Amino acid sequence: MKNIIVCMKQVLDPEVPLSLFKIDSEAKQAMLPKATPPVLSPFDENALEAALKIKDTQPVAVSVLSLGRS
């Protein structure tokens, strides 16, 4: 059986208005209000969907790999 590995990560929600973003100049990163949780990258969601479509037609195993801060 073949394996498909899909890499996924959490990102800042791209649907959040830019006016809510703040820049932490010391950490050099964008920050959102604490009430705004991160979301899965839309590109990574597409990759997972493609892997699951392949699984529907072929005998493969799909694994998701994610690294980063929790």
Protein backbone atom coordinates (compact mmCIF):
# COMPACT_ATOMS: atom_id res chain seq x y z
CA MET A 1 0.00 0.00 0.00
CA LYS A 2 1.29 3.46 -0.85
CA ASN A 3 1.30 6.40 1.53
CA ILE A 4 0.42 10.04 0.98
CA ILE A 5 1.75 12.49 3.55
CA VAL A 6 0.05 15.88 3.75
CA CYS A 7 1.87 18.66 5.62
CA MET A 8 -0.47 21.07 7.41
CA LYS A 9 0.04 24.12 9.61
CA GLN A 10 -1.96 26.69 11.50
CA VAL A 11 -1.89 30.25 10.21
CA LEU A 12 -3.41 33.58 11.11
CA ASP A 13 -6.98 33.67 9.79
CA PRO A 14 -6.84 35.35 6.35
CA GLU A 15 -10.49 36.44 6.75
CA VAL A 16 -9.72 38.70 9.72
CA PRO A 17 -9.79 42.42 8.81
CA LEU A 18 -6.33 43.96 8.55
CA SER A 19 -7.32 46.64 11.08
CA LEU A 20 -7.24 44.00 13.85
CA PHE A 21 -3.63 43.00 13.18
CA LYS A 22 -0.90 44.45 15.38
CA ILE A 23 2.80 44.12 14.71
CA ASP A 24 5.14 43.11 17.51
CA SER A 25 8.30 44.88 16.36
CA GLU A 26 10.44 43.09 18.94
CA ALA A 27 9.34 39.60 17.90
CA LYS A 28 8.92 40.70 14.26
CA GLN A 29 5.55 38.99 13.85
CA ALA A 30 1.90 39.83 13.29
CA MET A 31 -0.39 39.41 16.26
CA LEU A 32 -4.17 39.14 16.50
CA PRO A 33 -6.45 39.74 19.47
CA LYS A 34 -6.53 36.72 21.79
CA ALA A 35 -10.13 35.92 20.80
CA THR A 36 -9.04 35.12 17.23
CA PRO A 37 -7.82 31.51 17.01
CA PRO A 38 -5.48 30.33 14.26
CA VAL A 39 -6.95 28.31 11.37
CA LEU A 40 -5.62 25.63 9.06
CA SER A 41 -3.89 27.01 6.00
CA PRO A 42 -6.38 27.04 3.09
CA PHE A 43 -3.67 25.65 0.80
CA ASP A 44 -3.05 22.77 3.20
CA GLU A 45 -6.79 22.06 3.38
CA ASN A 46 -6.81 21.78 -0.43
CA ALA A 47 -3.89 19.35 -0.28
CA LEU A 48 -5.73 17.18 2.26
CA GLU A 49 -8.86 17.19 0.14
CA ALA A 50 -6.85 16.11 -2.92
CA ALA A 51 -5.23 13.29 -0.95
CA LEU A 52 -8.62 12.06 0.25
CA LYS A 53 -9.96 12.09 -3.32
CA ILE A 54 -7.01 9.95 -4.40
CA LYS A 55 -7.74 7.61 -1.48
CA ASP A 56 -11.30 7.18 -2.78
CA THR A 57 -9.97 5.76 -6.06
CA GLN A 58 -6.77 3.94 -5.04
CA PRO A 59 -5.58 1.84 -2.10
CA VAL A 60 -3.45 4.42 -0.28
CA ALA A 61 -3.02 5.57 3.31
CA VAL A 62 -3.24 9.29 4.08
CA SER A 63 -1.20 10.73 6.96
CA VAL A 64 -1.15 14.33 8.18
CA LEU A 65 2.08 15.85 9.47
CA SER A 66 2.09 19.07 11.46
CA LEU A 67 4.91 20.79 13.36
CA GLY A 68 5.04 23.97 15.35
CA ARG A 69 4.01 25.58 18.58
CA SER A 70 0.82 24.38 20.23
